[in-house]
Amino acid sequence: MERHVKMERHIKSRPDGNYQEIVRPGTLRFLDFARLRLNKGEKHAGATAARECVLDIFSGTASVSIGRAEPARSEAKGNADPVQGPAARQTAEKKQDFPRVGSRADVFSGPPVMLYIPAQSTYEIVAQSDGFDVGIFSAPSSAAKASPALLEGAAVVARQIGRGNWQRTVYSALAENTPAERLLAGETLNPPGNWSSYPPHKHDRSNPPQEAVLEEVYFFRVRPAQGYGFIWTYTAPGDSDGFSTVFVVEDGDTVLLPKGYHPVVAAPGYELHYTWVLAGEERRYGAWADDPKHAWVKAEL
């Protein structure tokens, strides 16, 4: 049985400190995910190493400083001291400051603000408000020359997708607007009782140009917070390691999507929001295949 069948694909919310590793490194082939919560003045520092990151600001405001290691000026020009040799060569860190990142009170209060951090970077987050809450998602990357990018305002594309009880708002933030190597990220907001990720689609096979191999992580919030929704995760017929599982998702839950279809529905009376992040063998948003049994609903649009 393959790893994705054995893994815990539904991770319940747990209030266990300021920094939580929710999807630990090595759980999925590409993606990991941590949640960071700070109060005003508190700090968190990290390094991306051989991974690229995207921060999704769930609530509050922070300043973020990103450092990039660069060859020292003398070395970059080929003027390193020949007597002292390579051991004496140094690197200089180029810093880029984002003094105000985020502003919304919660994920239901407006479109996302995201910050892309390339591989081989260091970063420091300083909360400027109480209740600062951010998701930190990462994937392997060798694109060390990519630049940090603040994704807000016009950089975030909002679309109304579907109709009737499967209409929802989809925000695309980290997409072709940023030359990341693997990551794609955005958010979806379901009105009460409505479906999303519908018609059901999957992205687990290389079938260009229609479908690409892309893992995905969903992080859910619900308003009011005592509410819930459902996600049905199921694989295509004939999959030897297939599954068909319905998860009840509550506020703060995470669902891992290594493969298969994954439609979502909000319970009546409750808004359902999820951050979605993709990473895989290719980087193409929309490279998925609809379940042929249900694809006909698109023809009714």
C-alpha atoms as a PDB file:
ATOM      1  CA  MET A   1       0.000   0.000   0.000  1.00  0.00           C
ATOM      2  CA  GLU A   2       1.342   3.404  -0.942  1.00  0.00           C
ATOM      3  CA  ARG A   3       2.344   6.116   1.541  1.00  0.00           C
ATOM      4  CA  HIS A   4      -0.639   8.373   0.807  1.00  0.00           C
ATOM      5  CA  VAL A   5      -3.063   5.616   1.829  1.00  0.00           C
ATOM      6  CA  LYS A   6      -1.346   5.145   5.197  1.00  0.00           C
ATOM      7  CA  MET A   7      -0.868   8.837   6.004  1.00  0.00           C
ATOM      8  CA  GLU A   8      -3.224  10.799   8.200  1.00  0.00           C
ATOM      9  CA  ARG A   9      -5.113  12.768   5.562  1.00  0.00           C
ATOM     10  CA  HIS A  10      -7.415  14.622   7.977  1.00  0.00           C
ATOM     11  CA  ILE A  11      -5.581  16.572  10.684  1.00  0.00           C
ATOM     12  CA  LYS A  12      -7.777  18.040  13.413  1.00  0.00           C
ATOM     13  CA  SER A  13      -7.237  21.525  14.796  1.00  0.00           C
ATOM     14  CA  ARG A  14      -5.114  21.606  17.942  1.00  0.00           C
ATOM     15  CA  PRO A  15      -4.284  24.692  20.059  1.00  0.00           C
ATOM     16  CA  ASP A  16      -0.750  23.685  21.071  1.00  0.00           C
ATOM     17  CA  GLY A  17       1.451  26.748  21.041  1.00  0.00           C
ATOM     18  CA  ASN A  18       2.405  29.630  18.781  1.00  0.00           C
ATOM     19  CA  TYR A  19       4.085  27.490  16.095  1.00  0.00           C
ATOM     20  CA  GLN A  20       2.474  24.274  14.890  1.00  0.00           C
ATOM     21  CA  GLU A  21       3.906  21.907  12.283  1.00  0.00           C
ATOM     22  CA  ILE A  22       0.637  20.646  10.811  1.00  0.00           C
ATOM     23  CA  VAL A  23       1.956  18.849   7.709  1.00  0.00           C
ATOM     24  CA  ARG A  24       5.434  17.802   8.738  1.00  0.00           C
ATOM     25  CA  PRO A  25       8.314  17.575   6.253  1.00  0.00           C
ATOM     26  CA  GLY A  26       8.330  14.211   4.494  1.00  0.00           C
ATOM     27  CA  THR A  27       4.604  13.520   4.993  1.00  0.00           C
ATOM     28  CA  LEU A  28       3.822  14.500   1.423  1.00  0.00           C
ATOM     29  CA  ARG A  29       6.157  14.322  -1.548  1.00  0.00           C
ATOM     30  CA  PHE A  30       6.236  18.104  -2.055  1.00  0.00           C
ATOM     31  CA  LEU A  31       4.230  20.151   0.448  1.00  0.00           C
ATOM     32  CA  ASP A  32       4.529  20.944   4.119  1.00  0.00           C
ATOM     33  CA  PHE A  33       2.516  23.388   6.228  1.00  0.00           C
ATOM     34  CA  ALA A  34       2.905  25.172   9.561  1.00  0.00           C
ATOM     35  CA  ARG A  35       0.700  27.675  11.374  1.00  0.00           C
ATOM     36  CA  LEU A  36       2.168  30.596  13.319  1.00  0.00           C
ATOM     37  CA  ARG A  37       0.276  32.785  15.807  1.00  0.00           C
ATOM     38  CA  LEU A  38       1.851  35.834  17.455  1.00  0.00           C
ATOM     39  CA  ASN A  39       0.796  38.782  19.572  1.00  0.00           C
ATOM     40  CA  LYS A  40       2.009  42.330  19.046  1.00  0.00           C
ATOM     41  CA  GLY A  41       5.790  42.614  19.298  1.00  0.00           C
ATOM     42  CA  GLU A  42       6.455  38.872  19.205  1.00  0.00           C
ATOM     43  CA  LYS A  43       8.905  37.564  16.605  1.00  0.00           C
ATOM     44  CA  HIS A  44       9.560  34.435  14.583  1.00  0.00           C
ATOM     45  CA  ALA A  45      12.631  33.774  12.420  1.00  0.00           C
ATOM     46  CA  GLY A  46      13.217  31.037   9.879  1.00  0.00           C
ATOM     47  CA  ALA A  47      15.200  29.940   6.840  1.00  0.00           C
ATOM     48  CA  THR A  48      13.854  28.402   3.660  1.00  0.00           C
ATOM     49  CA  ALA A  49      16.997  26.424   2.689  1.00  0.00           C
ATOM     50  CA  ALA A  50      16.199  24.380  -0.447  1.00  0.00           C
ATOM     51  CA  ARG A  51      12.482  25.178  -0.300  1.00  0.00           C
ATOM     52  CA  GLU A  52      10.333  28.080  -1.441  1.00  0.00           C
ATOM     53  CA  CYS A  53       7.613  29.380   0.883  1.00  0.00           C
ATOM     54  CA  VAL A  54       4.374  31.273   0.700  1.00  0.00           C
ATOM     55  CA  LEU A  55       2.879  33.027   3.724  1.00  0.00           C
ATOM     56  CA  ASP A  56      -0.913  33.398   3.815  1.00  0.00           C
ATOM     57  CA  ILE A  57      -1.893  36.069   6.347  1.00  0.00           C
ATOM     58  CA  PHE A  58      -5.079  34.770   7.975  1.00  0.00           C
ATOM     59  CA  SER A  59      -5.479  37.750  10.326  1.00  0.00           C
ATOM     60  CA  GLY A  60      -3.574  40.706  11.717  1.00  0.00           C
ATOM     61  CA  THR A  61      -0.559  42.641  10.497  1.00  0.00           C
ATOM     62  CA  ALA A  62       3.198  42.051  10.656  1.00  0.00           C
ATOM     63  CA  SER A  63       6.453  43.324   9.244  1.00  0.00           C
ATOM     64  CA  VAL A  64       8.557  40.782   7.368  1.00  0.00           C
ATOM     65  CA  SER A  65      12.255  41.098   6.598  1.00  0.00           C
ATOM     66  CA  ILE A  66      13.735  38.709   4.024  1.00  0.00           C
ATOM     67  CA  GLY A  67      17.477  38.138   3.621  1.00  0.00           C
ATOM     68  CA  ARG A  68      19.228  36.656   0.604  1.00  0.00           C
ATOM     69  CA  ALA A  69      22.837  35.498   0.677  1.00  0.00           C
ATOM     70  CA  GLU A  70      24.917  37.012  -2.131  1.00  0.00           C
ATOM     71  CA  PRO A  71      28.637  36.839  -2.936  1.00  0.00           C
ATOM     72  CA  ALA A  72      30.639  39.647  -1.369  1.00  0.00           C
ATOM     73  CA  ARG A  73      31.407  42.426  -3.836  1.00  0.00           C
ATOM     74  CA  SER A  74      35.108  41.580  -4.180  1.00  0.00           C
ATOM     75  CA  GLU A  75      34.373  37.909  -4.821  1.00  0.00           C
ATOM     76  CA  ALA A  76      31.604  38.707  -7.298  1.00  0.00           C
ATOM     77  CA  LYS A  77      34.175  40.662  -9.356  1.00  0.00           C
ATOM     78  CA  GLY A  78      36.746  37.908  -9.142  1.00  0.00           C
ATOM     79  CA  ASN A  79      38.927  39.870  -6.706  1.00  0.00           C
ATOM     80  CA  ALA A  80      39.045  37.497  -3.746  1.00  0.00           C
ATOM     81  CA  ASP A  81      42.352  37.684  -1.880  1.00  0.00           C
ATOM     82  CA  PRO A  82      44.595  35.027  -3.542  1.00  0.00           C
ATOM     83  CA  VAL A  83      46.746  34.773  -0.421  1.00  0.00           C
ATOM     84  CA  GLN A  84      43.924  34.068   2.025  1.00  0.00           C
ATOM     85  CA  GLY A  85      42.123  31.850  -0.492  1.00  0.00           C
ATOM     86  CA  PRO A  86      38.507  30.615  -0.526  1.00  0.00           C
ATOM     87  CA  ALA A  87      38.323  30.267   3.262  1.00  0.00           C
ATOM     88  CA  ALA A  88      38.491  34.039   3.588  1.00  0.00           C
ATOM     89  CA  ARG A  89      35.702  34.689   1.087  1.00  0.00           C
ATOM     90  CA  GLN A  90      32.532  36.030   2.624  1.00  0.00           C
ATOM     91  CA  THR A  91      28.968  36.480   1.588  1.00  0.00           C
ATOM     92  CA  ALA A  92      26.853  39.560   2.055  1.00  0.00           C
ATOM     93  CA  GLU A  93      23.175  39.365   2.924  1.00  0.00           C
ATOM     94  CA  LYS A  94      20.796  41.478   0.884  1.00  0.00           C
ATOM     95  CA  LYS A  95      17.697  42.394   2.865  1.00  0.00           C
ATOM     96  CA  GLN A  96      14.254  43.283   1.608  1.00  0.00           C
ATOM     97  CA  ASP A  97      11.753  44.702   4.095  1.00  0.00           C
ATOM     98  CA  PHE A  98       7.986  44.525   3.902  1.00  0.00           C
ATOM     99  CA  PRO A  99       6.921  46.885   6.688  1.00  0.00           C
ATOM    100  CA  ARG A 100       3.197  46.106   6.662  1.00  0.00           C
ATOM    101  CA  VAL A 101       1.888  42.718   5.535  1.00  0.00           C
ATOM    102  CA  GLY A 102      -1.776  41.864   6.066  1.00  0.00           C
ATOM    103  CA  SER A 103      -4.702  43.853   7.400  1.00  0.00           C
ATOM    104  CA  ARG A 104      -7.880  41.770   7.573  1.00  0.00           C
ATOM    105  CA  ALA A 105      -9.528  40.801  10.842  1.00  0.00           C
ATOM    106  CA  ASP A 106     -10.067  37.216   9.675  1.00  0.00           C
ATOM    107  CA  VAL A 107     -10.244  35.165   6.486  1.00  0.00           C
ATOM    108  CA  PHE A 108     -13.914  36.073   5.993  1.00  0.00           C
ATOM    109  CA  SER A 109     -13.190  39.818   5.972  1.00  0.00           C
ATOM    110  CA  GLY A 110     -11.623  40.231   2.545  1.00  0.00           C
ATOM    111  CA  PRO A 111      -9.235  38.843  -0.060  1.00  0.00           C
ATOM    112  CA  PRO A 112      -5.948  37.266   0.977  1.00  0.00           C
ATOM    113  CA  VAL A 113      -2.557  38.890   1.299  1.00  0.00           C
ATOM    114  CA  MET A 114       0.296  36.465   0.600  1.00  0.00           C
ATOM    115  CA  LEU A 115       4.068  36.804   0.593  1.00  0.00           C
ATOM    116  CA  TYR A 116       6.307  34.600  -1.555  1.00  0.00           C
ATOM    117  CA  ILE A 117       9.776  33.826  -0.116  1.00  0.00           C
ATOM    118  CA  PRO A 118      12.296  32.132  -2.446  1.00  0.00           C
ATOM    119  CA  ALA A 119      14.657  29.287  -1.622  1.00  0.00           C
ATOM    120  CA  GLN A 120      17.929  30.061   0.154  1.00  0.00           C
ATOM    121  CA  SER A 121      16.382  32.931   2.128  1.00  0.00           C
ATOM    122  CA  THR A 122      16.142  33.895   5.767  1.00  0.00           C
ATOM    123  CA  TYR A 123      13.143  35.748   7.152  1.00  0.00           C
ATOM    124  CA  GLU A 124      11.949  37.417  10.337  1.00  0.00           C
ATOM    125  CA  ILE A 125       8.292  38.100  11.139  1.00  0.00           C
ATOM    126  CA  VAL A 126       7.414  40.734  13.762  1.00  0.00           C
ATOM    127  CA  ALA A 127       3.738  40.996  14.696  1.00  0.00           C
ATOM    128  CA  GLN A 128       2.349  44.523  14.634  1.00  0.00           C
ATOM    129  CA  SER A 129      -1.019  43.525  16.088  1.00  0.00           C
ATOM    130  CA  ASP A 130      -2.404  41.022  18.535  1.00  0.00           C
ATOM    131  CA  GLY A 131      -3.915  37.925  16.988  1.00  0.00           C
ATOM    132  CA  PHE A 132      -1.501  37.750  14.062  1.00  0.00           C
ATOM    133  CA  ASP A 133      -2.146  34.398  12.373  1.00  0.00           C
ATOM    134  CA  VAL A 134      -0.297  33.096   9.307  1.00  0.00           C
ATOM    135  CA  GLY A 135       0.055  29.870   7.346  1.00  0.00           C
ATOM    136  CA  ILE A 136       3.553  28.951   6.154  1.00  0.00           C
ATOM    137  CA  PHE A 137       3.546  26.562   3.187  1.00  0.00           C
ATOM    138  CA  SER A 138       6.659  25.300   1.403  1.00  0.00           C
ATOM    139  CA  ALA A 139       7.837  23.047  -1.410  1.00  0.00           C
ATOM    140  CA  PRO A 140      11.239  22.013  -2.826  1.00  0.00           C
ATOM    141  CA  SER A 141      12.865  24.595  -5.073  1.00  0.00           C
ATOM    142  CA  SER A 142      16.140  25.241  -6.815  1.00  0.00           C
ATOM    143  CA  ALA A 143      15.004  28.694  -8.008  1.00  0.00           C
ATOM    144  CA  ALA A 144      17.380  30.588  -5.735  1.00  0.00           C
ATOM    145  CA  LYS A 145      17.407  33.624  -8.047  1.00  0.00           C
ATOM    146  CA  ALA A 146      13.655  34.220  -7.706  1.00  0.00           C
ATOM    147  CA  SER A 147      12.647  37.391  -5.893  1.00  0.00           C
ATOM    148  CA  PRO A 148      10.323  37.856  -2.898  1.00  0.00           C
ATOM    149  CA  ALA A 149       6.871  39.079  -3.877  1.00  0.00           C
ATOM    150  CA  LEU A 150       4.047  40.654  -1.870  1.00  0.00           C
ATOM    151  CA  LEU A 151       0.739  39.527  -3.361  1.00  0.00           C
ATOM    152  CA  GLU A 152      -2.123  41.861  -2.513  1.00  0.00           C
ATOM    153  CA  GLY A 153      -4.657  44.167  -4.121  1.00  0.00           C
ATOM    154  CA  ALA A 154      -4.702  43.874  -7.913  1.00  0.00           C
ATOM    155  CA  ALA A 155      -2.237  40.961  -7.779  1.00  0.00           C
ATOM    156  CA  VAL A 156      -4.985  38.784  -6.257  1.00  0.00           C
ATOM    157  CA  VAL A 157      -7.622  37.703  -8.791  1.00  0.00           C
ATOM    158  CA  ALA A 158     -11.166  37.123  -7.461  1.00  0.00           C
ATOM    159  CA  ARG A 159     -13.625  35.048  -9.471  1.00  0.00           C
ATOM    160  CA  GLN A 160     -17.170  33.814  -8.961  1.00  0.00           C
ATOM    161  CA  ILE A 161     -17.214  30.192 -10.121  1.00  0.00           C
ATOM    162  CA  GLY A 162     -20.188  27.898 -10.624  1.00  0.00           C
ATOM    163  CA  ARG A 163     -23.864  28.756 -10.193  1.00  0.00           C
ATOM    164  CA  GLY A 164     -26.718  28.168  -7.782  1.00  0.00           C
ATOM    165  CA  ASN A 165     -25.724  26.037  -4.816  1.00  0.00           C
ATOM    166  CA  TRP A 166     -22.242  25.390  -6.218  1.00  0.00           C
ATOM    167  CA  GLN A 167     -21.247  29.004  -6.699  1.00  0.00           C
ATOM    168  CA  ARG A 168     -18.280  30.169  -4.630  1.00  0.00           C
ATOM    169  CA  THR A 169     -15.613  32.870  -4.558  1.00  0.00           C
ATOM    170  CA  VAL A 170     -12.108  31.780  -5.558  1.00  0.00           C
ATOM    171  CA  TYR A 171      -9.084  33.993  -4.932  1.00  0.00           C
ATOM    172  CA  SER A 172      -5.918  33.209  -6.904  1.00  0.00           C
ATOM    173  CA  ALA A 173      -2.898  34.876  -5.278  1.00  0.00           C
ATOM    174  CA  LEU A 174       0.346  33.003  -6.029  1.00  0.00           C
ATOM    175  CA  ALA A 175      -0.006  32.059  -9.681  1.00  0.00           C
ATOM    176  CA  GLU A 176       1.641  32.927 -12.983  1.00  0.00           C
ATOM    177  CA  ASN A 177       2.101  36.461 -11.625  1.00  0.00           C
ATOM    178  CA  THR A 178       5.149  35.204  -9.690  1.00  0.00           C
ATOM    179  CA  PRO A 179       7.973  33.016 -11.093  1.00  0.00           C
ATOM    180  CA  ALA A 180       7.920  30.450  -8.312  1.00  0.00           C
ATOM    181  CA  GLU A 181       9.141  26.965  -9.175  1.00  0.00           C
ATOM    182  CA  ARG A 182       6.352  24.797  -7.741  1.00  0.00           C
ATOM    183  CA  LEU A 183       3.932  26.633  -5.445  1.00  0.00           C
ATOM    184  CA  LEU A 184       0.452  27.815  -6.415  1.00  0.00           C
ATOM    185  CA  ALA A 185      -1.817  29.264  -3.721  1.00  0.00           C
ATOM    186  CA  GLY A 186      -5.170  30.912  -3.138  1.00  0.00           C
ATOM    187  CA  GLU A 187      -8.365  30.756  -1.107  1.00  0.00           C
ATOM    188  CA  THR A 188     -11.968  29.632  -1.612  1.00  0.00           C
ATOM    189  CA  LEU A 189     -15.054  30.908   0.212  1.00  0.00           C
ATOM    190  CA  ASN A 190     -18.255  28.838   0.227  1.00  0.00           C
ATOM    191  CA  PRO A 191     -21.544  30.513   1.147  1.00  0.00           C
ATOM    192  CA  PRO A 192     -23.644  28.495   3.628  1.00  0.00           C
ATOM    193  CA  GLY A 193     -24.859  25.237   2.098  1.00  0.00           C
ATOM    194  CA  ASN A 194     -22.816  25.626  -1.092  1.00  0.00           C
ATOM    195  CA  TRP A 195     -20.383  23.274  -2.807  1.00  0.00           C
ATOM    196  CA  SER A 196     -16.903  23.998  -4.145  1.00  0.00           C
ATOM    197  CA  SER A 197     -14.137  22.044  -5.877  1.00  0.00           C
ATOM    198  CA  TYR A 198     -17.120  21.115  -8.011  1.00  0.00           C
ATOM    199  CA  PRO A 199     -17.619  19.390 -10.321  1.00  0.00           C
ATOM    200  CA  PRO A 200     -15.172  17.037  -8.595  1.00  0.00           C
ATOM    201  CA  HIS A 201     -11.709  17.213 -10.110  1.00  0.00           C
ATOM    202  CA  LYS A 202      -8.330  15.591  -9.599  1.00  0.00           C
ATOM    203  CA  HIS A 203      -4.718  16.293 -10.529  1.00  0.00           C
ATOM    204  CA  ASP A 204      -2.760  13.100  -9.896  1.00  0.00           C
ATOM    205  CA  ARG A 205      -1.690  11.880 -13.353  1.00  0.00           C
ATOM    206  CA  SER A 206       0.521  13.314 -16.058  1.00  0.00           C
ATOM    207  CA  ASN A 207      -1.804  13.700 -19.018  1.00  0.00           C
ATOM    208  CA  PRO A 208      -0.752  16.868 -20.843  1.00  0.00           C
ATOM    209  CA  PRO A 209      -2.129  19.304 -21.559  1.00  0.00           C
ATOM    210  CA  GLN A 210      -5.203  18.540 -19.452  1.00  0.00           C
ATOM    211  CA  GLU A 211      -3.870  17.100 -16.180  1.00  0.00           C
ATOM    212  CA  ALA A 212      -0.663  17.329 -14.161  1.00  0.00           C
ATOM    213  CA  VAL A 213       0.605  15.677 -10.973  1.00  0.00           C
ATOM    214  CA  LEU A 214      -0.069  18.165  -8.174  1.00  0.00           C
ATOM    215  CA  GLU A 215      -0.438  17.563  -4.448  1.00  0.00           C
ATOM    216  CA  GLU A 216      -2.722  19.899  -2.512  1.00  0.00           C
ATOM    217  CA  VAL A 217      -3.395  20.953   1.064  1.00  0.00           C
ATOM    218  CA  TYR A 218      -6.666  22.502   2.294  1.00  0.00           C
ATOM    219  CA  PHE A 219      -6.745  24.484   5.558  1.00  0.00           C
ATOM    220  CA  PHE A 220     -10.316  25.155   6.713  1.00  0.00           C
ATOM    221  CA  ARG A 221     -11.982  27.934   8.700  1.00  0.00           C
ATOM    222  CA  VAL A 222     -15.703  28.078   9.532  1.00  0.00           C
ATOM    223  CA  ARG A 223     -17.953  30.987  10.544  1.00  0.00           C
ATOM    224  CA  PRO A 224     -19.565  30.758  13.089  1.00  0.00           C
ATOM    225  CA  ALA A 225     -16.712  28.689  14.488  1.00  0.00           C
ATOM    226  CA  GLN A 226     -18.875  25.854  15.843  1.00  0.00           C
ATOM    227  CA  GLY A 227     -19.927  24.980  12.299  1.00  0.00           C
ATOM    228  CA  TYR A 228     -18.707  22.304   9.924  1.00  0.00           C
ATOM    229  CA  GLY A 229     -18.571  21.078   6.376  1.00  0.00           C
ATOM    230  CA  PHE A 230     -17.736  17.897   4.492  1.00  0.00           C
ATOM    231  CA  ILE A 231     -15.081  16.879   1.983  1.00  0.00           C
ATOM    232  CA  TRP A 232     -15.365  13.664  -0.008  1.00  0.00           C
ATOM    233  CA  THR A 233     -11.962  12.341  -1.103  1.00  0.00           C
ATOM    234  CA  TYR A 234     -12.094   9.500  -3.622  1.00  0.00           C
ATOM    235  CA  THR A 235      -9.956   8.044  -6.373  1.00  0.00           C
ATOM    236  CA  ALA A 236     -10.662   7.137  -9.981  1.00  0.00           C
ATOM    237  CA  PRO A 237     -11.997   3.652 -10.790  1.00  0.00           C
ATOM    238  CA  GLY A 238      -9.278   1.049 -11.187  1.00  0.00           C
ATOM    239  CA  ASP A 239      -6.827   2.698  -8.791  1.00  0.00           C
ATOM    240  CA  SER A 240      -5.162  -0.218  -6.988  1.00  0.00           C
ATOM    241  CA  ASP A 241      -4.483   1.976  -3.936  1.00  0.00           C
ATOM    242  CA  GLY A 242      -7.762   3.801  -4.076  1.00  0.00           C
ATOM    243  CA  PHE A 243      -9.939   5.186  -1.309  1.00  0.00           C
ATOM    244  CA  SER A 244     -13.329   6.789  -0.750  1.00  0.00           C
ATOM    245  CA  THR A 245     -13.509   8.754   2.499  1.00  0.00           C
ATOM    246  CA  VAL A 246     -15.757  11.543   3.751  1.00  0.00           C
ATOM    247  CA  PHE A 247     -14.238  13.862   6.371  1.00  0.00           C
ATOM    248  CA  VAL A 248     -16.228  16.187   8.622  1.00  0.00           C
ATOM    249  CA  VAL A 249     -14.166  19.377   8.602  1.00  0.00           C
ATOM    250  CA  GLU A 250     -14.365  21.877  11.440  1.00  0.00           C
ATOM    251  CA  ASP A 251     -12.717  25.221  12.124  1.00  0.00           C
ATOM    252  CA  GLY A 252      -8.913  24.888  11.903  1.00  0.00           C
ATOM    253  CA  ASP A 253      -8.847  21.420  10.316  1.00  0.00           C
ATOM    254  CA  THR A 254      -6.437  20.464   7.527  1.00  0.00           C
ATOM    255  CA  VAL A 255      -6.959  17.908   4.756  1.00  0.00           C
ATOM    256  CA  LEU A 256      -4.124  16.448   2.665  1.00  0.00           C
ATOM    257  CA  LEU A 257      -4.879  15.673  -0.967  1.00  0.00           C
ATOM    258  CA  PRO A 258      -2.101  13.488  -2.397  1.00  0.00           C
ATOM    259  CA  LYS A 259      -4.433  12.292  -5.137  1.00  0.00           C
ATOM    260  CA  GLY A 260      -8.054  11.810  -6.076  1.00  0.00           C
ATOM    261  CA  TYR A 261     -11.191  13.924  -6.366  1.00  0.00           C
ATOM    262  CA  HIS A 262     -12.118  16.243  -3.488  1.00  0.00           C
ATOM    263  CA  PRO A 263     -15.489  18.093  -3.584  1.00  0.00           C
ATOM    264  CA  VAL A 264     -16.360  20.250  -0.548  1.00  0.00           C
ATOM    265  CA  VAL A 265     -19.681  21.405   0.917  1.00  0.00           C
ATOM    266  CA  ALA A 266     -20.543  23.828   3.737  1.00  0.00           C
ATOM    267  CA  ALA A 267     -23.299  22.992   6.202  1.00  0.00           C
ATOM    268  CA  PRO A 268     -26.358  25.275   5.991  1.00  0.00           C
ATOM    269  CA  GLY A 269     -25.930  28.351   8.163  1.00  0.00           C
ATOM    270  CA  TYR A 270     -22.127  28.294   8.071  1.00  0.00           C
ATOM    271  CA  GLU A 271     -19.615  29.967   5.780  1.00  0.00           C
ATOM    272  CA  LEU A 272     -16.720  27.669   4.890  1.00  0.00           C
ATOM    273  CA  HIS A 273     -13.313  29.021   3.889  1.00  0.00           C
ATOM    274  CA  TYR A 274     -10.178  27.171   2.905  1.00  0.00           C
ATOM    275  CA  THR A 275      -6.690  28.112   1.866  1.00  0.00           C
ATOM    276  CA  TRP A 276      -5.497  25.846  -0.934  1.00  0.00           C
ATOM    277  CA  VAL A 277      -1.871  25.317  -1.876  1.00  0.00           C
ATOM    278  CA  LEU A 278      -0.611  23.152  -4.735  1.00  0.00           C
ATOM    279  CA  ALA A 279       2.832  21.816  -5.623  1.00  0.00           C
ATOM    280  CA  GLY A 280       3.941  19.017  -7.899  1.00  0.00           C
ATOM    281  CA  GLU A 281       5.801  17.893 -10.971  1.00  0.00           C
ATOM    282  CA  GLU A 282       4.540  20.841 -13.029  1.00  0.00           C
ATOM    283  CA  ARG A 283       3.300  24.320 -12.190  1.00  0.00           C
ATOM    284  CA  ARG A 284       0.075  24.885 -14.120  1.00  0.00           C
ATOM    285  CA  TYR A 285      -3.075  26.179 -12.435  1.00  0.00           C
ATOM    286  CA  GLY A 286      -6.131  24.493 -13.921  1.00  0.00           C
ATOM    287  CA  ALA A 287      -4.249  21.340 -14.920  1.00  0.00           C
ATOM    288  CA  TRP A 288      -6.914  18.999 -13.585  1.00  0.00           C
ATOM    289  CA  ALA A 289      -9.444  16.472 -14.839  1.00  0.00           C
ATOM    290  CA  ASP A 290     -13.126  16.619 -13.890  1.00  0.00           C
ATOM    291  CA  ASP A 291     -14.893  13.441 -12.839  1.00  0.00           C
ATOM    292  CA  PRO A 292     -16.553  12.429 -16.138  1.00  0.00           C
ATOM    293  CA  LYS A 293     -19.707  11.334 -14.293  1.00  0.00           C
ATOM    294  CA  HIS A 294     -20.331  14.875 -13.074  1.00  0.00           C
ATOM    295  CA  ALA A 295     -18.630  17.116 -15.626  1.00  0.00           C
ATOM    296  CA  TRP A 296     -21.950  17.638 -17.408  1.00  0.00           C
ATOM    297  CA  VAL A 297     -23.000  20.303 -14.873  1.00  0.00           C
ATOM    298  CA  LYS A 298     -20.582  22.752 -16.506  1.00  0.00           C
ATOM    299  CA  ALA A 299     -22.638  22.567 -19.686  1.00  0.00           C
ATOM    300  CA  GLU A 300     -25.549  24.080 -17.764  1.00  0.00           C
ATOM    301  CA  LEU A 301     -23.638  27.314 -17.041  1.00  0.00           C
END
